[in-house]
Amino acid sequence: MITEGVTFHRPIGGHGSRNGDTPTREGDTKVYTFGDIDIRLTPNELGVYTAIHIPNLSRRAMYFSVTVRVTGPHGYGVTMKRSFPSVLPGDSAREAGLLIDKDEAPVPADPVAEIVTFEQTNNG
């Protein structure tokens, strides 16, 4: 479980993760689990559909902010930053979107996710 008042600004995950987070597969979707945070990557012809799920397991409303980087071979690299100002106890922060490389690098068949920054603070 992620504790209150947590902030980190170093990559977590990706290839050679220090945390031993090994992604699993659900069909075409690659699922990364970093503690309580799930990141789901599904490549398609346009980009990588990326879904983030962060549960609030505390007894108070929480603020979450996360930056996720999705990479692949041939220069594919896209960053997704999201903030969730007030996630109620027992609820989850969720966001999803299609990540398209602005330099039009080819969409990776096997994308890699890492959490670049994460912040969690008490919001109530």
Foldseek 3Di string as FASTA:
>chain_A
DDDAFDKDQAKAWWPPGPVPFDWDDDDLWTWTDDPQKIWIWHDDQAATKIKIKAAAQDQAWKKKKWKKWKDDPQPDIFIDIDIDQTAHHGGIDMDIDGTGRPVRGGHHSDIIMIIRIMGMHGRD
